[in-house]
């Protein structure tokens, strides 16, 4: 697939050819106009693709951040489960106990 810059180059070439060839000038200028229309549409497409790539890149970064956060939370939860309760009153309570003592010193 041609880029918008390549389409513009082809249009410039058609215009240069039209200046040199009087007999085919009308057709070559029409061809150049078509290449310019195509170049404009390709530029719009390229712009949309850049925006989509940026969006996917940002979404990927967010997913990585969420994944890292999930891993950190998982590690913290594993540590809490392995450490057990700090307060003797905290049998089933995940945060503290009824005496007001904290689970984590």
N, C-alpha and C. Protein backbone atom coordinates (compact mmCIF):
# COMPACT_ATOMS: atom_id res chain seq x y z
N UNK A 1 0.84 -1.17 0.00
CA UNK A 1 0.00 0.00 0.00
C UNK A 1 0.90 1.24 0.00
N UNK A 2 0.52 2.19 -0.78
CA UNK A 2 1.29 3.43 -0.88
C UNK A 2 0.97 4.36 0.28
N UNK A 3 1.95 5.13 0.70
CA UNK A 3 1.72 6.13 1.73
C UNK A 3 1.21 7.41 1.07
N UNK A 4 0.76 8.35 1.89
CA UNK A 4 0.26 9.61 1.35
C UNK A 4 1.39 10.38 0.66
N UNK A 5 2.59 10.29 1.20
CA UNK A 5 3.74 10.98 0.59
C UNK A 5 4.05 10.40 -0.79
N UNK A 6 3.96 9.08 -0.92
CA UNK A 6 4.21 8.44 -2.22
C UNK A 6 3.13 8.83 -3.24
N UNK A 7 1.88 8.95 -2.77
CA UNK A 7 0.80 9.38 -3.67
C UNK A 7 1.04 10.80 -4.15
N UNK A 8 1.49 11.66 -3.24
CA UNK A 8 1.79 13.05 -3.63
C UNK A 8 2.95 13.10 -4.63
N UNK A 9 3.95 12.24 -4.45
CA UNK A 9 5.07 12.19 -5.39
C UNK A 9 4.58 11.79 -6.78
N UNK A 10 3.68 10.82 -6.82
CA UNK A 10 3.14 10.39 -8.12
C UNK A 10 2.34 11.52 -8.77
N UNK A 11 1.60 12.28 -7.95
CA UNK A 11 0.84 13.42 -8.48
C UNK A 11 1.79 14.47 -9.05
N UNK A 12 2.87 14.73 -8.33
CA UNK A 12 3.87 15.70 -8.82
C UNK A 12 4.47 15.24 -10.16
N UNK A 13 4.73 13.94 -10.25
CA UNK A 13 5.29 13.40 -11.49
C UNK A 13 4.30 13.55 -12.64
N UNK A 14 3.02 13.29 -12.38
CA UNK A 14 1.99 13.45 -13.43
C UNK A 14 1.91 14.91 -13.88
N UNK A 15 2.01 15.84 -12.93
CA UNK A 15 1.96 17.27 -13.29
C UNK A 15 3.18 17.63 -14.13
N UNK A 16 4.34 17.13 -13.76
CA UNK A 16 5.56 17.39 -14.54
C UNK A 16 5.43 16.80 -15.94
N UNK A 17 4.88 15.59 -16.03
CA UNK A 17 4.67 14.97 -17.34
C UNK A 17 3.68 15.78 -18.18
N UNK A 18 2.64 16.31 -17.54
CA UNK A 18 1.63 17.11 -18.25
C UNK A 18 2.25 18.38 -18.82
N UNK A 19 3.18 18.98 -18.09
CA UNK A 19 3.85 20.19 -18.59
C UNK A 19 4.71 19.90 -19.82
N UNK A 20 5.19 18.66 -19.90
CA UNK A 20 6.06 18.28 -21.03
C UNK A 20 5.28 17.74 -22.23
N UNK A 21 4.08 17.23 -22.00
CA UNK A 21 3.33 16.56 -23.05
C UNK A 21 1.98 17.28 -23.25
N UNK A 22 1.95 18.18 -24.20
CA UNK A 22 0.75 18.99 -24.44
C UNK A 22 -0.43 18.14 -24.92
N UNK A 23 -0.14 17.09 -25.66
CA UNK A 23 -1.20 16.27 -26.22
C UNK A 23 -1.96 15.49 -25.14
N UNK A 24 -1.27 15.07 -24.11
CA UNK A 24 -1.89 14.27 -23.04
C UNK A 24 -2.08 15.08 -21.74
N UNK A 25 -1.93 16.37 -21.84
CA UNK A 25 -1.96 17.23 -20.64
C UNK A 25 -3.25 17.06 -19.83
N UNK A 26 -4.39 17.06 -20.48
CA UNK A 26 -5.67 16.97 -19.77
C UNK A 26 -5.77 15.67 -18.97
N UNK A 27 -5.40 14.56 -19.62
CA UNK A 27 -5.46 13.26 -18.93
C UNK A 27 -4.46 13.20 -17.79
N UNK A 28 -3.24 13.69 -18.01
CA UNK A 28 -2.22 13.64 -16.97
C UNK A 28 -2.60 14.51 -15.77
N UNK A 29 -3.20 15.64 -16.02
CA UNK A 29 -3.65 16.51 -14.92
C UNK A 29 -4.80 15.84 -14.16
N UNK A 30 -5.69 15.16 -14.86
CA UNK A 30 -6.77 14.42 -14.19
C UNK A 30 -6.19 13.29 -13.33
N UNK A 31 -5.18 12.61 -13.87
CA UNK A 31 -4.50 11.56 -13.11
C UNK A 31 -3.85 12.14 -11.85
N UNK A 32 -3.22 13.31 -11.99
CA UNK A 32 -2.58 13.96 -10.85
C UNK A 32 -3.62 14.31 -9.78
N UNK A 33 -4.77 14.79 -10.24
CA UNK A 33 -5.83 15.13 -9.28
C UNK A 33 -6.30 13.88 -8.53
N UNK A 34 -6.42 12.78 -9.24
CA UNK A 34 -6.81 11.52 -8.58
C UNK A 34 -5.77 11.09 -7.54
N UNK A 35 -4.49 11.24 -7.89
CA UNK A 35 -3.42 10.89 -6.94
C UNK A 35 -3.48 11.79 -5.70
N UNK A 36 -3.83 13.06 -5.89
CA UNK A 36 -3.93 13.97 -4.75
C UNK A 36 -5.13 13.63 -3.86
N UNK A 37 -6.24 13.24 -4.46
CA UNK A 37 -7.41 12.80 -3.68
C UNK A 37 -7.04 11.56 -2.88
N UNK A 38 -6.38 10.62 -3.53
CA UNK A 38 -5.94 9.40 -2.85
C UNK A 38 -4.96 9.74 -1.72
N UNK A 39 -4.06 10.69 -1.97
CA UNK A 39 -3.09 11.10 -0.94
C UNK A 39 -3.81 11.66 0.28
N UNK A 40 -4.85 12.46 0.06
CA UNK A 40 -5.62 13.02 1.18
C UNK A 40 -6.30 11.91 1.98
N UNK A 41 -6.88 10.96 1.30
CA UNK A 41 -7.55 9.85 1.99
C UNK A 41 -6.54 8.98 2.74
N UNK A 42 -5.39 8.76 2.13
CA UNK A 42 -4.34 7.99 2.80
C UNK A 42 -3.84 8.72 4.04
N UNK A 43 -3.75 10.04 3.96
CA UNK A 43 -3.31 10.83 5.11
C UNK A 43 -4.31 10.71 6.25
N UNK A 44 -5.60 10.72 5.93
CA UNK A 44 -6.62 10.53 6.95
C UNK A 44 -6.49 9.15 7.59
N UNK A 45 -6.28 8.15 6.75
CA UNK A 45 -6.12 6.78 7.25
C UNK A 45 -4.88 6.67 8.14
N UNK A 46 -3.78 7.25 7.69
CA UNK A 46 -2.54 7.21 8.48
C UNK A 46 -2.74 7.90 9.83
N UNK A 47 -3.46 9.01 9.83
CA UNK A 47 -3.74 9.73 11.07
C UNK A 47 -4.59 8.87 12.01
N UNK A 48 -5.59 8.20 11.46
CA UNK A 48 -6.43 7.31 12.26
C UNK A 48 -5.62 6.16 12.83
N UNK A 49 -4.73 5.61 12.01
CA UNK A 49 -3.89 4.51 12.48
C UNK A 49 -2.96 4.95 13.60
N UNK A 50 -2.39 6.15 13.45
CA UNK A 50 -1.51 6.67 14.52
C UNK A 50 -2.30 6.83 15.82
N UNK A 51 -3.52 7.36 15.71
CA UNK A 51 -4.36 7.55 16.90
C UNK A 51 -4.71 6.21 17.53
N UNK A 52 -5.03 5.22 16.69
CA UNK A 52 -5.36 3.89 17.21
C UNK A 52 -4.14 3.25 17.87
N UNK A 53 -2.97 3.39 17.24
CA UNK A 53 -1.75 2.84 17.83
C UNK A 53 -1.47 3.48 19.19
N UNK A 54 -1.67 4.79 19.27
CA UNK A 54 -1.44 5.49 20.53
C UNK A 54 -2.44 5.00 21.59
N UNK A 55 -3.70 4.82 21.18
CA UNK A 55 -4.71 4.34 22.11
C UNK A 55 -4.36 2.94 22.63
N UNK A 56 -3.95 2.06 21.71
CA UNK A 56 -3.59 0.70 22.11
C UNK A 56 -2.35 0.69 22.98
N UNK A 57 -1.41 1.59 22.69
CA UNK A 57 -0.21 1.69 23.50
C UNK A 57 -0.56 2.12 24.92
N UNK A 58 -1.42 3.13 25.05
CA UNK A 58 -1.85 3.59 26.37
C UNK A 58 -2.63 2.51 27.10
N UNK A 59 -3.49 1.80 26.36
CA UNK A 59 -4.26 0.72 26.98
C UNK A 59 -3.33 -0.39 27.45
N UNK A 60 -2.31 -0.70 26.66
CA UNK A 60 -1.34 -1.71 27.06
C UNK A 60 -0.60 -1.31 28.31
N UNK A 61 -0.24 -0.04 28.42
CA UNK A 61 0.45 0.44 29.62
C UNK A 61 -0.46 0.32 30.83
N UNK A 62 -1.74 0.66 30.65
CA UNK A 62 -2.69 0.55 31.77
C UNK A 62 -2.83 -0.91 32.20
N UNK A 63 -2.88 -1.81 31.23
CA UNK A 63 -3.00 -3.23 31.55
C UNK A 63 -1.76 -3.70 32.32
N UNK A 64 -0.60 -3.24 31.91
CA UNK A 64 0.62 -3.61 32.62
C UNK A 64 0.59 -3.07 34.04
N UNK A 65 0.11 -1.83 34.20
CA UNK A 65 0.02 -1.24 35.54
C UNK A 65 -0.94 -2.04 36.42
N UNK A 66 -2.09 -2.41 35.84
CA UNK A 66 -3.07 -3.20 36.58
C UNK A 66 -2.48 -4.56 36.94
N UNK A 67 -1.78 -5.16 35.99
CA UNK A 67 -1.17 -6.46 36.24
C UNK A 67 -0.15 -6.38 37.36
N UNK A 68 0.69 -5.32 37.34
CA UNK A 68 1.68 -5.14 38.40
C UNK A 68 0.99 -4.94 39.74
N UNK A 69 -0.08 -4.15 39.75
CA UNK A 69 -0.81 -3.90 40.99
C UNK A 69 -1.43 -5.19 41.50
N UNK A 70 -2.00 -5.99 40.60
CA UNK A 70 -2.58 -7.27 40.99
C UNK A 70 -1.52 -8.18 41.59
N UNK A 71 -0.32 -8.21 40.98
CA UNK A 71 0.76 -9.04 41.52
C UNK A 71 1.17 -8.56 42.90
N UNK A 72 1.26 -7.22 43.08
CA UNK A 72 1.63 -6.67 44.39
C UNK A 72 0.59 -7.04 45.43
N UNK A 73 -0.68 -6.90 45.08
CA UNK A 73 -1.76 -7.24 46.01
C UNK A 73 -1.70 -8.72 46.34
N UNK A 74 -1.48 -9.55 45.34
CA UNK A 74 -1.38 -10.98 45.55
C UNK A 74 -0.24 -11.33 46.49
N UNK A 75 0.90 -10.69 46.30
CA UNK A 75 2.06 -10.94 47.16
C UNK A 75 1.75 -10.50 48.59
N UNK A 76 1.12 -9.33 48.74
CA UNK A 76 0.77 -8.83 50.07
C UNK A 76 -0.22 -9.77 50.74
N UNK A 77 -1.22 -10.24 50.00
CA UNK A 77 -2.20 -11.17 50.56
C UNK A 77 -1.53 -12.48 50.97
N UNK A 78 -0.62 -12.98 50.17
CA UNK A 78 0.09 -14.21 50.53
C UNK A 78 0.91 -14.00 51.79
N UNK A 79 1.54 -12.84 51.91
CA UNK A 79 2.32 -12.53 53.10
C UNK A 79 1.43 -12.46 54.32
N UNK A 80 0.27 -11.81 54.18
CA UNK A 80 -0.66 -11.71 55.31
C UNK A 80 -1.14 -13.08 55.74
N UNK A 81 -1.47 -13.94 54.79
CA UNK A 81 -1.94 -15.28 55.12
C UNK A 81 -0.84 -16.10 55.79
N UNK A 82 0.37 -15.94 55.30
CA UNK A 82 1.49 -16.70 55.87
C UNK A 82 1.87 -16.20 57.25
N UNK A 83 1.71 -14.90 57.49
CA UNK A 83 2.13 -14.31 58.77
C UNK A 83 1.18 -14.69 59.90
N UNK A 84 -0.08 -14.87 59.58
CA UNK A 84 -1.04 -15.19 60.62
C UNK A 84 -1.41 -13.97 61.43
N UNK A 85 -2.35 -14.14 62.36
CA UNK A 85 -2.78 -13.00 63.15
C UNK A 85 -1.72 -12.57 64.16
N UNK A 86 -1.61 -11.27 64.38
CA UNK A 86 -0.65 -10.73 65.34
C UNK A 86 -1.29 -10.71 66.72
N UNK A 87 -2.55 -10.43 66.77
CA UNK A 87 -3.28 -10.32 68.02
C UNK A 87 -3.87 -11.68 68.37
N UNK A 88 -3.78 -12.07 69.60
CA UNK A 88 -4.32 -13.38 70.00
C UNK A 88 -5.84 -13.41 69.92
N UNK A 89 -6.47 -12.26 69.92
CA UNK A 89 -7.93 -12.19 69.84
C UNK A 89 -8.42 -12.34 68.40
N UNK A 90 -7.54 -12.18 67.40
CA UNK A 90 -7.94 -12.18 65.98
C UNK A 90 -7.85 -13.57 65.41
N UNK A 91 -8.95 -14.31 65.46
CA UNK A 91 -8.95 -15.66 64.90
C UNK A 91 -9.41 -15.64 63.45
N UNK A 92 -10.52 -15.01 63.20
CA UNK A 92 -11.07 -14.95 61.84
C UNK A 92 -11.06 -13.54 61.28
N UNK A 93 -10.71 -12.56 62.09
CA UNK A 93 -10.77 -11.18 61.64
C UNK A 93 -9.54 -10.84 60.81
N UNK A 94 -9.75 -10.38 59.58
CA UNK A 94 -8.62 -10.13 58.70
C UNK A 94 -7.83 -8.86 59.03
N UNK A 95 -8.42 -7.90 59.75
CA UNK A 95 -7.74 -6.62 59.92
C UNK A 95 -7.27 -6.43 61.36
N UNK A 96 -8.04 -6.77 62.32
CA UNK A 96 -7.66 -6.54 63.72
C UNK A 96 -8.47 -7.42 64.63
N UNK A 97 -8.62 -6.99 65.84
CA UNK A 97 -9.41 -7.79 66.76
C UNK A 97 -10.37 -6.89 67.51
N UNK A 98 -11.21 -7.50 68.28
CA UNK A 98 -12.21 -6.73 69.01
C UNK A 98 -11.59 -5.91 70.12
N UNK A 99 -10.37 -6.25 70.55
CA UNK A 99 -9.72 -5.48 71.62
C UNK A 99 -9.16 -4.18 71.10
N UNK A 100 -9.21 -3.96 69.76
CA UNK A 100 -8.70 -2.73 69.19
C UNK A 100 -7.25 -2.82 68.75
N UNK A 101 -6.58 -3.91 69.01
CA UNK A 101 -5.19 -4.08 68.60
C UNK A 101 -5.14 -4.31 67.09
N UNK A 102 -4.12 -3.82 66.45
CA UNK A 102 -3.99 -3.95 65.01
C UNK A 102 -3.36 -5.27 64.66
N UNK A 103 -3.73 -5.78 63.51
CA UNK A 103 -3.14 -7.03 63.02
C UNK A 103 -1.68 -6.81 62.63
N UNK A 104 -1.38 -5.65 62.10
CA UNK A 104 -0.01 -5.36 61.68
C UNK A 104 0.63 -4.39 62.67
N UNK A 105 1.79 -4.76 63.19
CA UNK A 105 2.46 -3.89 64.20
C UNK A 105 2.88 -2.57 63.60
